[in-house]
């Protein structure tokens, strides 16, 4: 009786080993490759969307600044390892928004 149980156990382990070999060498790599290709397609779609939606900055804007302002922007960009436009752009946009908001407030008061 013990011999039968032992032989069936060995037979089952051999079958599991063969299944594991087939799965790991043939089936699983195919599934992984398919999933990988799908992820690449999603990545490409996201990149394409980011490129199409990005704001193209094709206008060269020359703005006079003082030596002190230029020194501050140059130092900040050197410390952060970025270009000067990275620092100047947000400052200019914020200043423009403040001027526009102030102008709208004064126009609102003069109409009353």
C-alpha atoms as a PDB file:
ATOM      1  CA  UNK A   1       0.000   0.000   0.000  1.00  0.00           C
ATOM      2  CA  UNK A   2       2.799   2.390   0.874  1.00  0.00           C
ATOM      3  CA  UNK A   3       4.431   1.692  -2.487  1.00  0.00           C
ATOM      4  CA  UNK A   4       1.279   2.757  -4.349  1.00  0.00           C
ATOM      5  CA  UNK A   5       1.024   6.041  -2.408  1.00  0.00           C
ATOM      6  CA  UNK A   6       4.715   6.715  -2.981  1.00  0.00           C
ATOM      7  CA  UNK A   7       4.502   5.966  -6.700  1.00  0.00           C
ATOM      8  CA  UNK A   8       1.440   8.229  -7.093  1.00  0.00           C
ATOM      9  CA  UNK A   9       3.217  10.983  -5.182  1.00  0.00           C
ATOM     10  CA  UNK A  10       6.250  10.715  -7.452  1.00  0.00           C
ATOM     11  CA  UNK A  11       3.976  10.662 -10.505  1.00  0.00           C
ATOM     12  CA  UNK A  12       2.145  13.781  -9.287  1.00  0.00           C
ATOM     13  CA  UNK A  13       5.426  15.591  -8.614  1.00  0.00           C
ATOM     14  CA  UNK A  14       6.703  14.704 -12.094  1.00  0.00           C
ATOM     15  CA  UNK A  15       3.478  16.050 -13.642  1.00  0.00           C
ATOM     16  CA  UNK A  16       3.737  19.249 -11.579  1.00  0.00           C
ATOM     17  CA  UNK A  17       7.365  19.636 -12.638  1.00  0.00           C
ATOM     18  CA  UNK A  18       6.433  19.236 -16.301  1.00  0.00           C
ATOM     19  CA  UNK A  19       3.573  21.730 -15.928  1.00  0.00           C
ATOM     20  CA  UNK A  20       5.927  24.184 -14.222  1.00  0.00           C
ATOM     21  CA  UNK A  21       8.462  23.771 -17.041  1.00  0.00           C
ATOM     22  CA  UNK A  22       5.842  24.364 -19.730  1.00  0.00           C
ATOM     23  CA  UNK A  23       4.362  27.335 -17.858  1.00  0.00           C
ATOM     24  CA  UNK A  24       7.649  29.105 -17.087  1.00  0.00           C
ATOM     25  CA  UNK A  25       9.318  28.484 -20.435  1.00  0.00           C
ATOM     26  CA  UNK A  26       6.436  28.811 -22.934  1.00  0.00           C
ATOM     27  CA  UNK A  27       3.178  30.196 -21.577  1.00  0.00           C
ATOM     28  CA  UNK A  28       4.175  32.808 -19.004  1.00  0.00           C
ATOM     29  CA  UNK A  29       6.664  34.632 -21.264  1.00  0.00           C
ATOM     30  CA  UNK A  30       3.970  34.942 -23.937  1.00  0.00           C
ATOM     31  CA  UNK A  31       1.522  36.451 -21.462  1.00  0.00           C
ATOM     32  CA  UNK A  32       4.182  38.789 -20.089  1.00  0.00           C
ATOM     33  CA  UNK A  33       5.131  39.930 -23.577  1.00  0.00           C
ATOM     34  CA  UNK A  34       1.501  40.632 -24.447  1.00  0.00           C
ATOM     35  CA  UNK A  35       1.022  42.689 -21.269  1.00  0.00           C
ATOM     36  CA  UNK A  36       4.274  44.518 -21.895  1.00  0.00           C
ATOM     37  CA  UNK A  37       3.237  45.462 -25.433  1.00  0.00           C
ATOM     38  CA  UNK A  38      -0.114  46.743 -24.155  1.00  0.00           C
ATOM     39  CA  UNK A  39       1.684  48.900 -21.582  1.00  0.00           C
ATOM     40  CA  UNK A  40       3.944  50.285 -24.318  1.00  0.00           C
ATOM     41  CA  UNK A  41       0.855  51.234 -26.342  1.00  0.00           C
ATOM     42  CA  UNK A  42      -0.654  53.026 -23.349  1.00  0.00           C
ATOM     43  CA  UNK A  43       2.667  54.792 -22.705  1.00  0.00           C
ATOM     44  CA  UNK A  44       2.858  55.923 -26.337  1.00  0.00           C
ATOM     45  CA  UNK A  45      -0.720  57.248 -26.237  1.00  0.00           C
ATOM     46  CA  UNK A  46       0.018  59.212 -23.056  1.00  0.00           C
ATOM     47  CA  UNK A  47       3.208  60.642 -24.543  1.00  0.00           C
ATOM     48  CA  UNK A  48       1.401  61.602 -27.729  1.00  0.00           C
ATOM     49  CA  UNK A  49      -1.299  63.353 -25.701  1.00  0.00           C
ATOM     50  CA  UNK A  50       1.271  65.199 -23.632  1.00  0.00           C
ATOM     51  CA  UNK A  51       3.065  66.378 -26.765  1.00  0.00           C
ATOM     52  CA  UNK A  52      -0.147  67.503 -28.483  1.00  0.00           C
ATOM     53  CA  UNK A  53      -1.463  69.264 -25.370  1.00  0.00           C
ATOM     54  CA  UNK A  54       1.766  71.000 -24.486  1.00  0.00           C
ATOM     55  CA  UNK A  55       1.952  74.721 -24.917  1.00  0.00           C
ATOM     56  CA  UNK A  56       4.374  75.559 -27.643  1.00  0.00           C
ATOM     57  CA  UNK A  57       6.624  78.390 -26.643  1.00  0.00           C
ATOM     58  CA  UNK A  58       7.652  79.724 -30.004  1.00  0.00           C
ATOM     59  CA  UNK A  59       7.717  83.423 -29.184  1.00  0.00           C
ATOM     60  CA  UNK A  60      10.986  84.966 -28.063  1.00  0.00           C
ATOM     61  CA  UNK A  61      10.250  87.672 -25.519  1.00  0.00           C
ATOM     62  CA  UNK A  62      13.024  90.102 -24.647  1.00  0.00           C
ATOM     63  CA  UNK A  63      12.456  91.868 -21.342  1.00  0.00           C
ATOM     64  CA  UNK A  64      14.869  94.359 -19.821  1.00  0.00           C
ATOM     65  CA  UNK A  65      15.815  93.527 -16.246  1.00  0.00           C
ATOM     66  CA  UNK A  66      18.168  95.171 -13.811  1.00  0.00           C
ATOM     67  CA  UNK A  67      21.592  93.716 -13.080  1.00  0.00           C
ATOM     68  CA  UNK A  68      20.425  92.653  -9.627  1.00  0.00           C
ATOM     69  CA  UNK A  69      17.374  90.845 -11.041  1.00  0.00           C
ATOM     70  CA  UNK A  70      19.488  89.103 -13.649  1.00  0.00           C
ATOM     71  CA  UNK A  71      22.008  88.080 -10.988  1.00  0.00           C
ATOM     72  CA  UNK A  72      19.246  86.597  -8.812  1.00  0.00           C
ATOM     73  CA  UNK A  73      17.720  84.640 -11.673  1.00  0.00           C
ATOM     74  CA  UNK A  74      21.129  83.450 -12.875  1.00  0.00           C
ATOM     75  CA  UNK A  75      22.134  82.313  -9.386  1.00  0.00           C
ATOM     76  CA  UNK A  76      18.834  80.507  -8.789  1.00  0.00           C
ATOM     77  CA  UNK A  77      19.033  78.714 -12.130  1.00  0.00           C
ATOM     78  CA  UNK A  78      22.649  77.713 -11.487  1.00  0.00           C
ATOM     79  CA  UNK A  79      21.786  76.366  -8.032  1.00  0.00           C
ATOM     80  CA  UNK A  80      18.847  74.326  -9.331  1.00  0.00           C
ATOM     81  CA  UNK A  81      20.541  73.252 -12.551  1.00  0.00           C
ATOM     82  CA  UNK A  82      17.828  74.694 -14.781  1.00  0.00           C
ATOM     83  CA  UNK A  83      17.615  77.400 -17.409  1.00  0.00           C
ATOM     84  CA  UNK A  84      16.802  81.025 -16.660  1.00  0.00           C
ATOM     85  CA  UNK A  85      13.375  80.821 -18.319  1.00  0.00           C
ATOM     86  CA  UNK A  86      12.280  78.316 -15.679  1.00  0.00           C
ATOM     87  CA  UNK A  87      12.703  81.021 -13.057  1.00  0.00           C
ATOM     88  CA  UNK A  88      11.677  84.085 -15.056  1.00  0.00           C
ATOM     89  CA  UNK A  89       8.448  82.705 -16.563  1.00  0.00           C
ATOM     90  CA  UNK A  90       6.493  82.145 -13.295  1.00  0.00           C
ATOM     91  CA  UNK A  91       7.596  85.519 -11.952  1.00  0.00           C
ATOM     92  CA  UNK A  92       6.425  87.320 -15.091  1.00  0.00           C
ATOM     93  CA  UNK A  93       3.120  85.462 -15.255  1.00  0.00           C
ATOM     94  CA  UNK A  94       2.397  86.218 -11.596  1.00  0.00           C
ATOM     95  CA  UNK A  95       3.225  89.898 -12.091  1.00  0.00           C
ATOM     96  CA  UNK A  96       0.970  90.061 -15.163  1.00  0.00           C
ATOM     97  CA  UNK A  97      -1.909  88.410 -13.277  1.00  0.00           C
ATOM     98  CA  UNK A  98      -1.542  90.903 -10.418  1.00  0.00           C
ATOM     99  CA  UNK A  99      -1.601  93.872 -12.805  1.00  0.00           C
ATOM    100  CA  UNK A 100      -4.665  92.516 -14.618  1.00  0.00           C
ATOM    101  CA  UNK A 101      -6.507  91.886 -11.343  1.00  0.00           C
ATOM    102  CA  UNK A 102      -5.626  95.374 -10.058  1.00  0.00           C
ATOM    103  CA  UNK A 103      -6.805  96.933 -13.328  1.00  0.00           C
ATOM    104  CA  UNK A 104     -10.122  95.049 -13.140  1.00  0.00           C
ATOM    105  CA  UNK A 105     -10.663  96.180  -9.542  1.00  0.00           C
ATOM    106  CA  UNK A 106     -10.055  99.835 -10.409  1.00  0.00           C
ATOM    107  CA  UNK A 107     -12.356  99.587 -13.446  1.00  0.00           C
ATOM    108  CA  UNK A 108     -15.061  98.072 -11.250  1.00  0.00           C
ATOM    109  CA  UNK A 109     -14.823 100.959  -8.783  1.00  0.00           C
ATOM    110  CA  UNK A 110     -14.944 103.628 -11.474  1.00  0.00           C
ATOM    111  CA  UNK A 111     -18.144 102.170 -13.005  1.00  0.00           C
ATOM    112  CA  UNK A 112     -20.051 102.414  -9.707  1.00  0.00           C
END
